[in-house]
Amino acid sequence: MNTNEIGWIGRYGNKLLALLKEHDPDRYTSLLFEGTLKEYLLAQDEYISERIWDLTMELAKKNGVNEELKLRDQMRWVQEVNSYRSMAEEMVLAEYID
């Protein structure tokens, strides 16, 4: 299977694909030849997305960013949540690089 034939695998699946090719080519090749690369990337994309969302909400809650702030100052709430999402994304993706 050519990687151009994989189809839609999501944002984090694509990032993981690039990481596999660069940092773990043996595993990439193995998954590719076993025919399980797409399933693996889809499952990891879903897991990473959920993990980032959970961590984002945990950081927001820990720092007092809640529905009350959302009602009172929606722009600030969006800025805060986006900031926490960026942090969470960095943290979760760093787990895959190690």
PDB file of N, CA and C in Angstrom:
ATOM      1  N   MET A   1       0.854  -1.184   0.000  1.00  0.00           N
ATOM      2  CA  MET A   1       0.000   0.000   0.000  1.00  0.00           C
ATOM      3  C   MET A   1       0.894   1.238   0.000  1.00  0.00           C
ATOM      4  N   ASN A   2       0.635   2.107  -0.886  1.00  0.00           N
ATOM      5  CA  ASN A   2       1.341   3.381  -0.962  1.00  0.00           C
ATOM      6  C   ASN A   2       0.728   4.318   0.079  1.00  0.00           C
ATOM      7  N   THR A   3       1.554   5.136   0.734  1.00  0.00           N
ATOM      8  CA  THR A   3       1.001   6.028   1.758  1.00  0.00           C
ATOM      9  C   THR A   3       0.053   7.057   1.163  1.00  0.00           C
ATOM     10  N   ASN A   4       0.108   7.283  -0.141  1.00  0.00           N
ATOM     11  CA  ASN A   4      -0.856   8.178  -0.792  1.00  0.00           C
ATOM     12  C   ASN A   4      -2.240   7.538  -0.855  1.00  0.00           C
ATOM     13  N   GLU A   5      -2.303   6.218  -0.679  1.00  0.00           N
ATOM     14  CA  GLU A   5      -3.566   5.488  -0.737  1.00  0.00           C
ATOM     15  C   GLU A   5      -4.209   5.298   0.638  1.00  0.00           C
ATOM     16  N   ILE A   6      -3.582   5.833   1.679  1.00  0.00           N
ATOM     17  CA  ILE A   6      -4.090   5.633   3.037  1.00  0.00           C
ATOM     18  C   ILE A   6      -5.447   6.296   3.219  1.00  0.00           C
ATOM     19  N   GLY A   7      -5.650   7.452   2.652  1.00  0.00           N
ATOM     20  CA  GLY A   7      -6.910   8.157   2.819  1.00  0.00           C
ATOM     21  C   GLY A   7      -6.898   9.037   4.057  1.00  0.00           C
ATOM     22  N   TRP A   8      -8.070   9.417   4.497  1.00  0.00           N
ATOM     23  CA  TRP A   8      -8.205  10.338   5.626  1.00  0.00           C
ATOM     24  C   TRP A   8      -7.834   9.640   6.925  1.00  0.00           C
ATOM     25  N   ILE A   9      -6.854  10.199   7.624  1.00  0.00           N
ATOM     26  CA  ILE A   9      -6.439   9.618   8.901  1.00  0.00           C
ATOM     27  C   ILE A   9      -6.426  10.655  10.012  1.00  0.00           C
ATOM     28  N   GLY A  10      -6.846  11.850   9.733  1.00  0.00           N
ATOM     29  CA  GLY A  10      -6.949  12.883  10.756  1.00  0.00           C
ATOM     30  C   GLY A  10      -5.648  13.629  10.985  1.00  0.00           C
ATOM     31  N   ARG A  11      -5.777  14.719  11.700  1.00  0.00           N
ATOM     32  CA  ARG A  11      -4.649  15.609  11.968  1.00  0.00           C
ATOM     33  C   ARG A  11      -3.523  14.905  12.724  1.00  0.00           C
ATOM     34  N   TYR A  12      -3.881  14.229  13.798  1.00  0.00           N
ATOM     35  CA  TYR A  12      -2.866  13.590  14.626  1.00  0.00           C
ATOM     36  C   TYR A  12      -2.368  12.301  13.998  1.00  0.00           C
ATOM     37  N   GLY A  13      -3.209  11.633  13.227  1.00  0.00           N
ATOM     38  CA  GLY A  13      -2.757  10.465  12.475  1.00  0.00           C
ATOM     39  C   GLY A  13      -1.685  10.853  11.473  1.00  0.00           C
ATOM     40  N   ASN A  14      -1.876  11.997  10.821  1.00  0.00           N
ATOM     41  CA  ASN A  14      -0.868  12.491   9.875  1.00  0.00           C
ATOM     42  C   ASN A  14       0.427  12.871  10.578  1.00  0.00           C
ATOM     43  N   LYS A  15       0.309  13.509  11.733  1.00  0.00           N
ATOM     44  CA  LYS A  15       1.513  13.856  12.496  1.00  0.00           C
ATOM     45  C   LYS A  15       2.241  12.598  12.929  1.00  0.00           C
ATOM     46  N   LEU A  16       1.495  11.602  13.388  1.00  0.00           N
ATOM     47  CA  LEU A  16       2.094  10.350  13.823  1.00  0.00           C
ATOM     48  C   LEU A  16       2.744   9.629  12.652  1.00  0.00           C
ATOM     49  N   LEU A  17       2.133   9.680  11.493  1.00  0.00           N
ATOM     50  CA  LEU A  17       2.712   9.075  10.296  1.00  0.00           C
ATOM     51  C   LEU A  17       4.081   9.686  10.006  1.00  0.00           C
ATOM     52  N   ALA A  18       4.165  11.005  10.068  1.00  0.00           N
ATOM     53  CA  ALA A  18       5.446  11.682   9.834  1.00  0.00           C
ATOM     54  C   ALA A  18       6.469  11.293  10.898  1.00  0.00           C
ATOM     55  N   LEU A  19       6.031  11.209  12.167  1.00  0.00           N
ATOM     56  CA  LEU A  19       6.936  10.807  13.241  1.00  0.00           C
ATOM     57  C   LEU A  19       7.438   9.383  13.043  1.00  0.00           C
ATOM     58  N   LEU A  20       6.541   8.481  12.656  1.00  0.00           N
ATOM     59  CA  LEU A  20       6.941   7.100  12.415  1.00  0.00           C
ATOM     60  C   LEU A  20       7.983   7.015  11.305  1.00  0.00           C
ATOM     61  N   LYS A  21       7.720   7.705  10.215  1.00  0.00           N
ATOM     62  CA  LYS A  21       8.651   7.662   9.085  1.00  0.00           C
ATOM     63  C   LYS A  21      10.030   8.187   9.485  1.00  0.00           C
ATOM     64  N   GLU A  22      10.046   9.239  10.287  1.00  0.00           N
ATOM     65  CA  GLU A  22      11.313   9.872  10.643  1.00  0.00           C
ATOM     66  C   GLU A  22      12.029   9.166  11.797  1.00  0.00           C
ATOM     67  N   HIS A  23      11.280   8.811  12.842  1.00  0.00           N
ATOM     68  CA  HIS A  23      11.903   8.321  14.073  1.00  0.00           C
ATOM     69  C   HIS A  23      11.831   6.803  14.279  1.00  0.00           C
ATOM     70  N   ASP A  24      10.913   6.139  13.599  1.00  0.00           N
ATOM     71  CA  ASP A  24      10.771   4.688  13.784  1.00  0.00           C
ATOM     72  C   ASP A  24      10.436   4.016  12.451  1.00  0.00           C
ATOM     73  N   PRO A  25      11.344   4.093  11.493  1.00  0.00           N
ATOM     74  CA  PRO A  25      11.061   3.549  10.159  1.00  0.00           C
ATOM     75  C   PRO A  25      10.805   2.038  10.160  1.00  0.00           C
ATOM     76  N   ASP A  26      11.403   1.306  11.106  1.00  0.00           N
ATOM     77  CA  ASP A  26      11.153  -0.142  11.167  1.00  0.00           C
ATOM     78  C   ASP A  26       9.693  -0.431  11.501  1.00  0.00           C
ATOM     79  N   ARG A  27       9.162   0.284  12.467  1.00  0.00           N
ATOM     80  CA  ARG A  27       7.754   0.076  12.843  1.00  0.00           C
ATOM     81  C   ARG A  27       6.831   0.520  11.712  1.00  0.00           C
ATOM     82  N   TYR A  28       7.159   1.646  11.086  1.00  0.00           N
ATOM     83  CA  TYR A  28       6.375   2.134   9.940  1.00  0.00           C
ATOM     84  C   TYR A  28       6.322   1.064   8.851  1.00  0.00           C
ATOM     85  N   THR A  29       7.478   0.520   8.496  1.00  0.00           N
ATOM     86  CA  THR A  29       7.544  -0.491   7.445  1.00  0.00           C
ATOM     87  C   THR A  29       6.771  -1.737   7.827  1.00  0.00           C
ATOM     88  N   SER A  30       6.906  -2.145   9.066  1.00  0.00           N
ATOM     89  CA  SER A  30       6.193  -3.321   9.550  1.00  0.00           C
ATOM     90  C   SER A  30       4.679  -3.135   9.446  1.00  0.00           C
ATOM     91  N   LEU A  31       4.177  -2.009   9.936  1.00  0.00           N
ATOM     92  CA  LEU A  31       2.735  -1.726   9.866  1.00  0.00           C
ATOM     93  C   LEU A  31       2.261  -1.644   8.421  1.00  0.00           C
ATOM     94  N   LEU A  32       3.088  -1.050   7.576  1.00  0.00           N
ATOM     95  CA  LEU A  32       2.731  -0.900   6.168  1.00  0.00           C
ATOM     96  C   LEU A  32       2.594  -2.261   5.496  1.00  0.00           C
ATOM     97  N   PHE A  33       3.577  -3.138   5.703  1.00  0.00           N
ATOM     98  CA  PHE A  33       3.550  -4.454   5.061  1.00  0.00           C
ATOM     99  C   PHE A  33       2.512  -5.385   5.669  1.00  0.00           C
ATOM    100  N   GLU A  34       2.188  -5.209   6.952  1.00  0.00           N
ATOM    101  CA  GLU A  34       1.138  -6.016   7.579  1.00  0.00           C
ATOM    102  C   GLU A  34      -0.250  -5.565   7.131  1.00  0.00           C
ATOM    103  N   GLY A  35      -0.331  -4.381   6.543  1.00  0.00           N
ATOM    104  CA  GLY A  35      -1.624  -3.855   6.107  1.00  0.00           C
ATOM    105  C   GLY A  35      -2.431  -3.242   7.232  1.00  0.00           C
ATOM    106  N   THR A  36      -1.763  -2.912   8.341  1.00  0.00           N
ATOM    107  CA  THR A  36      -2.474  -2.375   9.506  1.00  0.00           C
ATOM    108  C   THR A  36      -2.138  -0.904   9.771  1.00  0.00           C
ATOM    109  N   LEU A  37      -1.412  -0.276   8.871  1.00  0.00           N
ATOM    110  CA  LEU A  37      -0.982   1.106   9.096  1.00  0.00           C
ATOM    111  C   LEU A  37      -2.169   2.060   9.248  1.00  0.00           C
ATOM    112  N   LYS A  38      -3.129   1.985   8.338  1.00  0.00           N
ATOM    113  CA  LYS A  38      -4.276   2.900   8.394  1.00  0.00           C
ATOM    114  C   LYS A  38      -5.077   2.698   9.684  1.00  0.00           C
ATOM    115  N   GLU A  39      -5.342   1.460  10.049  1.00  0.00           N
ATOM    116  CA  GLU A  39      -6.105   1.189  11.264  1.00  0.00           C
ATOM    117  C   GLU A  39      -5.363   1.713  12.489  1.00  0.00           C
ATOM    118  N   TYR A  40      -4.050   1.492  12.509  1.00  0.00           N
ATOM    119  CA  TYR A  40      -3.234   1.975  13.618  1.00  0.00           C
ATOM    120  C   TYR A  40      -3.301   3.495  13.711  1.00  0.00           C
ATOM    121  N   LEU A  41      -3.132   4.162  12.579  1.00  0.00           N
ATOM    122  CA  LEU A  41      -3.141   5.631  12.574  1.00  0.00           C
ATOM    123  C   LEU A  41      -4.509   6.186  12.956  1.00  0.00           C
ATOM    124  N   LEU A  42      -5.576   5.569  12.481  1.00  0.00           N
ATOM    125  CA  LEU A  42      -6.928   6.015  12.849  1.00  0.00           C
ATOM    126  C   LEU A  42      -7.177   5.847  14.347  1.00  0.00           C
ATOM    127  N   ALA A  43      -6.767   4.695  14.892  1.00  0.00           N
ATOM    128  CA  ALA A  43      -6.960   4.452  16.322  1.00  0.00           C
ATOM    129  C   ALA A  43      -6.139   5.444  17.149  1.00  0.00           C
ATOM    130  N   GLN A  44      -4.912   5.693  16.752  1.00  0.00           N
ATOM    131  CA  GLN A  44      -4.060   6.627  17.476  1.00  0.00           C
ATOM    132  C   GLN A  44      -4.571   8.057  17.344  1.00  0.00           C
ATOM    133  N   ASP A  45      -5.097   8.416  16.168  1.00  0.00           N
ATOM    134  CA  ASP A  45      -5.666   9.747  15.976  1.00  0.00           C
ATOM    135  C   ASP A  45      -6.810   9.982  16.952  1.00  0.00           C
ATOM    136  N   GLU A  46      -7.669   8.989  17.081  1.00  0.00           N
ATOM    137  CA  GLU A  46      -8.803   9.099  18.012  1.00  0.00           C
ATOM    138  C   GLU A  46      -8.316   9.190  19.456  1.00  0.00           C
ATOM    139  N   TYR A  47      -7.368   8.332  19.810  1.00  0.00           N
ATOM    140  CA  TYR A  47      -6.831   8.333  21.172  1.00  0.00           C
ATOM    141  C   TYR A  47      -6.165   9.673  21.504  1.00  0.00           C
ATOM    142  N   ILE A  48      -5.329  10.156  20.595  1.00  0.00           N
ATOM    143  CA  ILE A  48      -4.615  11.415  20.818  1.00  0.00           C
ATOM    144  C   ILE A  48      -5.608  12.574  20.941  1.00  0.00           C
ATOM    145  N   SER A  49      -6.605  12.607  20.068  1.00  0.00           N
ATOM    146  CA  SER A  49      -7.621  13.668  20.120  1.00  0.00           C
ATOM    147  C   SER A  49      -8.338  13.677  21.465  1.00  0.00           C
ATOM    148  N   GLU A  50      -8.748  12.505  21.925  1.00  0.00           N
ATOM    149  CA  GLU A  50      -9.443  12.409  23.213  1.00  0.00           C
ATOM    150  C   GLU A  50      -8.523  12.801  24.367  1.00  0.00           C
ATOM    151  N   ARG A  51      -7.297  12.352  24.303  1.00  0.00           N
ATOM    152  CA  ARG A  51      -6.326  12.669  25.355  1.00  0.00           C
ATOM    153  C   ARG A  51      -6.055  14.165  25.425  1.00  0.00           C
ATOM    154  N   ILE A  52      -5.925  14.805  24.268  1.00  0.00           N
ATOM    155  CA  ILE A  52      -5.700  16.251  24.234  1.00  0.00           C
ATOM    156  C   ILE A  52      -6.917  16.984  24.794  1.00  0.00           C
ATOM    157  N   TRP A  53      -8.114  16.561  24.412  1.00  0.00           N
ATOM    158  CA  TRP A  53      -9.332  17.206  24.914  1.00  0.00           C
ATOM    159  C   TRP A  53      -9.429  17.068  26.436  1.00  0.00           C
ATOM    160  N   ASP A  54      -9.204  15.864  26.939  1.00  0.00           N
ATOM    161  CA  ASP A  54      -9.282  15.639  28.385  1.00  0.00           C
ATOM    162  C   ASP A  54      -8.256  16.480  29.134  1.00  0.00           C
ATOM    163  N   LEU A  55      -7.039  16.524  28.636  1.00  0.00           N
ATOM    164  CA  LEU A  55      -5.989  17.307  29.275  1.00  0.00           C
ATOM    165  C   LEU A  55      -6.290  18.805  29.187  1.00  0.00           C
ATOM    166  N   THR A  56      -6.842  19.244  28.072  1.00  0.00           N
ATOM    167  CA  THR A  56      -7.238  20.657  27.918  1.00  0.00           C
ATOM    168  C   THR A  56      -8.267  21.043  28.965  1.00  0.00           C
ATOM    169  N   MET A  57      -9.289  20.211  29.123  1.00  0.00           N
ATOM    170  CA  MET A  57     -10.335  20.498  30.098  1.00  0.00           C
ATOM    171  C   MET A  57      -9.804  20.434  31.526  1.00  0.00           C
ATOM    172  N   GLU A  58      -8.872  19.516  31.781  1.00  0.00           N
ATOM    173  CA  GLU A  58      -8.262  19.419  33.105  1.00  0.00           C
ATOM    174  C   GLU A  58      -7.464  20.691  33.430  1.00  0.00           C
ATOM    175  N   LEU A  59      -6.685  21.172  32.469  1.00  0.00           N
ATOM    176  CA  LEU A  59      -5.910  22.405  32.671  1.00  0.00           C
ATOM    177  C   LEU A  59      -6.837  23.604  32.857  1.00  0.00           C
ATOM    178  N   ALA A  60      -7.889  23.672  32.055  1.00  0.00           N
ATOM    179  CA  ALA A  60      -8.838  24.778  32.163  1.00  0.00           C
ATOM    180  C   ALA A  60      -9.512  24.787  33.533  1.00  0.00           C
ATOM    181  N   LYS A  61      -9.970  23.625  33.954  1.00  0.00           N
ATOM    182  CA  LYS A  61     -10.642  23.523  35.255  1.00  0.00           C
ATOM    183  C   LYS A  61      -9.703  23.914  36.387  1.00  0.00           C
ATOM    184  N   LYS A  62      -8.463  23.417  36.303  1.00  0.00           N
ATOM    185  CA  LYS A  62      -7.469  23.694  37.331  1.00  0.00           C
ATOM    186  C   LYS A  62      -7.177  25.197  37.439  1.00  0.00           C
ATOM    187  N   ASN A  63      -7.348  25.921  36.336  1.00  0.00           N
ATOM    188  CA  ASN A  63      -7.039  27.349  36.304  1.00  0.00           C
ATOM    189  C   ASN A  63      -8.279  28.247  36.304  1.00  0.00           C
ATOM    190  N   GLY A  64      -9.430  27.675  36.643  1.00  0.00           N
ATOM    191  CA  GLY A  64     -10.641  28.470  36.815  1.00  0.00           C
ATOM    192  C   GLY A  64     -11.332  28.903  35.540  1.00  0.00           C
ATOM    193  N   VAL A  65     -11.008  28.276  34.432  1.00  0.00           N
ATOM    194  CA  VAL A  65     -11.679  28.592  33.167  1.00  0.00           C
ATOM    195  C   VAL A  65     -12.888  27.671  33.073  1.00  0.00           C
ATOM    196  N   ASN A  66     -14.077  28.263  33.252  1.00  0.00           N
ATOM    197  CA  ASN A  66     -15.290  27.464  33.342  1.00  0.00           C
ATOM    198  C   ASN A  66     -16.437  28.110  32.575  1.00  0.00           C
ATOM    199  N   GLU A  67     -17.608  27.533  32.709  1.00  0.00           N
ATOM    200  CA  GLU A  67     -18.791  28.043  32.002  1.00  0.00           C
ATOM    201  C   GLU A  67     -19.152  29.465  32.435  1.00  0.00           C
ATOM    202  N   GLU A  68     -18.902  29.791  33.686  1.00  0.00           N
ATOM    203  CA  GLU A  68     -19.181  31.149  34.169  1.00  0.00           C
ATOM    204  C   GLU A  68     -18.345  32.166  33.397  1.00  0.00           C
ATOM    205  N   LEU A  69     -17.056  31.868  33.209  1.00  0.00           N
ATOM    206  CA  LEU A  69     -16.192  32.760  32.427  1.00  0.00           C
ATOM    207  C   LEU A  69     -16.661  32.810  30.981  1.00  0.00           C
ATOM    208  N   LYS A  70     -17.085  31.683  30.453  1.00  0.00           N
ATOM    209  CA  LYS A  70     -17.576  31.622  29.075  1.00  0.00           C
ATOM    210  C   LYS A  70     -18.773  32.546  28.877  1.00  0.00           C
ATOM    211  N   LEU A  71     -19.668  32.577  29.846  1.00  0.00           N
ATOM    212  CA  LEU A  71     -20.840  33.452  29.760  1.00  0.00           C
ATOM    213  C   LEU A  71     -20.470  34.921  29.945  1.00  0.00           C
ATOM    214  N   ARG A  72     -19.517  35.176  30.820  1.00  0.00           N
ATOM    215  CA  ARG A  72     -19.132  36.541  31.158  1.00  0.00           C
ATOM    216  C   ARG A  72     -18.202  37.173  30.112  1.00  0.00           C
ATOM    217  N   ASP A  73     -17.231  36.403  29.615  1.00  0.00           N
ATOM    218  CA  ASP A  73     -16.224  36.947  28.699  1.00  0.00           C
ATOM    219  C   ASP A  73     -15.820  35.853  27.716  1.00  0.00           C
ATOM    220  N   GLN A  74     -16.634  35.699  26.675  1.00  0.00           N
ATOM    221  CA  GLN A  74     -16.458  34.595  25.739  1.00  0.00           C
ATOM    222  C   GLN A  74     -15.095  34.641  25.030  1.00  0.00           C
ATOM    223  N   MET A  75     -14.626  35.800  24.643  1.00  0.00           N
ATOM    224  CA  MET A  75     -13.336  35.905  23.957  1.00  0.00           C
ATOM    225  C   MET A  75     -12.185  35.445  24.852  1.00  0.00           C
ATOM    226  N   ARG A  76     -12.215  35.842  26.105  1.00  0.00           N
ATOM    227  CA  ARG A  76     -11.171  35.407  27.026  1.00  0.00           C
ATOM    228  C   ARG A  76     -11.221  33.896  27.224  1.00  0.00           C
ATOM    229  N   TRP A  77     -12.439  33.352  27.328  1.00  0.00           N
ATOM    230  CA  TRP A  77     -12.598  31.913  27.490  1.00  0.00           C
ATOM    231  C   TRP A  77     -11.985  31.168  26.305  1.00  0.00           C
ATOM    232  N   VAL A  78     -12.263  31.640  25.092  1.00  0.00           N
ATOM    233  CA  VAL A  78     -11.716  31.017  23.882  1.00  0.00           C
ATOM    234  C   VAL A  78     -10.190  31.096  23.887  1.00  0.00           C
ATOM    235  N   GLN A  79      -9.646  32.260  24.237  1.00  0.00           N
ATOM    236  CA  GLN A  79      -8.192  32.419  24.293  1.00  0.00           C
ATOM    237  C   GLN A  79      -7.570  31.448  25.293  1.00  0.00           C
ATOM    238  N   GLU A  80      -8.175  31.360  26.459  1.00  0.00           N
ATOM    239  CA  GLU A  80      -7.647  30.471  27.501  1.00  0.00           C
ATOM    240  C   GLU A  80      -7.702  29.011  27.064  1.00  0.00           C
ATOM    241  N   VAL A  81      -8.834  28.583  26.541  1.00  0.00           N
ATOM    242  CA  VAL A  81      -8.983  27.185  26.126  1.00  0.00           C
ATOM    243  C   VAL A  81      -8.024  26.874  24.978  1.00  0.00           C
ATOM    244  N   ASN A  82      -7.868  27.788  24.032  1.00  0.00           N
ATOM    245  CA  ASN A  82      -6.915  27.569  22.942  1.00  0.00           C
ATOM    246  C   ASN A  82      -5.494  27.439  23.473  1.00  0.00           C
ATOM    247  N   SER A  83      -5.163  28.242  24.450  1.00  0.00           N
ATOM    248  CA  SER A  83      -3.842  28.177  25.059  1.00  0.00           C
ATOM    249  C   SER A  83      -3.624  26.822  25.731  1.00  0.00           C
ATOM    250  N   TYR A  84      -4.604  26.362  26.479  1.00  0.00           N
ATOM    251  CA  TYR A  84      -4.492  25.070  27.150  1.00  0.00           C
ATOM    252  C   TYR A  84      -4.466  23.920  26.146  1.00  0.00           C
ATOM    253  N   ARG A  85      -5.210  24.062  25.054  1.00  0.00           N
ATOM    254  CA  ARG A  85      -5.194  23.023  24.021  1.00  0.00           C
ATOM    255  C   ARG A  85      -3.808  22.917  23.382  1.00  0.00           C
ATOM    256  N   SER A  86      -3.179  24.053  23.149  1.00  0.00           N
ATOM    257  CA  SER A  86      -1.822  24.037  22.592  1.00  0.00           C
ATOM    258  C   SER A  86      -0.847  23.354  23.543  1.00  0.00           C
ATOM    259  N   MET A  87      -0.965  23.677  24.821  1.00  0.00           N
ATOM    260  CA  MET A  87      -0.110  23.032  25.823  1.00  0.00           C
ATOM    261  C   MET A  87      -0.346  21.522  25.850  1.00  0.00           C
ATOM    262  N   ALA A  88      -1.612  21.142  25.866  1.00  0.00           N
ATOM    263  CA  ALA A  88      -1.964  19.720  25.929  1.00  0.00           C
ATOM    264  C   ALA A  88      -1.453  18.987  24.692  1.00  0.00           C
ATOM    265  N   GLU A  89      -1.590  19.612  23.534  1.00  0.00           N
ATOM    266  CA  GLU A  89      -1.119  18.996  22.295  1.00  0.00           C
ATOM    267  C   GLU A  89       0.391  18.763  22.352  1.00  0.00           C
ATOM    268  N   GLU A  90       1.132  19.757  22.810  1.00  0.00           N
ATOM    269  CA  GLU A  90       2.582  19.604  22.926  1.00  0.00           C
ATOM    270  C   GLU A  90       2.932  18.461  23.875  1.00  0.00           C
ATOM    271  N   MET A  91       2.251  18.393  24.999  1.00  0.00           N
ATOM    272  CA  MET A  91       2.534  17.365  25.993  1.00  0.00           C
ATOM    273  C   MET A  91       2.242  15.962  25.453  1.00  0.00           C
ATOM    274  N   VAL A  92       1.097  15.808  24.818  1.00  0.00           N
ATOM    275  CA  VAL A  92       0.700  14.488  24.331  1.00  0.00           C
ATOM    276  C   VAL A  92       1.586  14.058  23.159  1.00  0.00           C
ATOM    277  N   LEU A  93       1.850  14.960  22.235  1.00  0.00           N
ATOM    278  CA  LEU A  93       2.689  14.589  21.090  1.00  0.00           C
ATOM    279  C   LEU A  93       4.130  14.303  21.509  1.00  0.00           C
ATOM    280  N   ALA A  94       4.594  14.946  22.576  1.00  0.00           N
ATOM    281  CA  ALA A  94       5.945  14.677  23.083  1.00  0.00           C
ATOM    282  C   ALA A  94       6.063  13.229  23.551  1.00  0.00           C
ATOM    283  N   GLU A  95       4.965  12.637  24.019  1.00  0.00           N
ATOM    284  CA  GLU A  95       4.980  11.237  24.443  1.00  0.00           C
ATOM    285  C   GLU A  95       5.316  10.309  23.270  1.00  0.00           C
ATOM    286  N   TYR A  96       4.939  10.701  22.070  1.00  0.00           N
ATOM    287  CA  TYR A  96       5.176   9.863  20.901  1.00  0.00           C
ATOM    288  C   TYR A  96       6.570  10.021  20.338  1.00  0.00           C
ATOM    289  N   ILE A  97       7.234  11.106  20.655  1.00  0.00           N
ATOM    290  CA  ILE A  97       8.581  11.324  20.145  1.00  0.00           C
ATOM    291  C   ILE A  97       9.599  10.540  20.959  1.00  0.00           C
ATOM    292  N   ASP A  98       9.340  10.383  22.253  1.00  0.00           N
ATOM    293  CA  ASP A  98      10.266   9.648  23.125  1.00  0.00           C
ATOM    294  C   ASP A  98      10.254   8.171  22.869  1.00  0.00           C
TER     295      ASP A  98
END
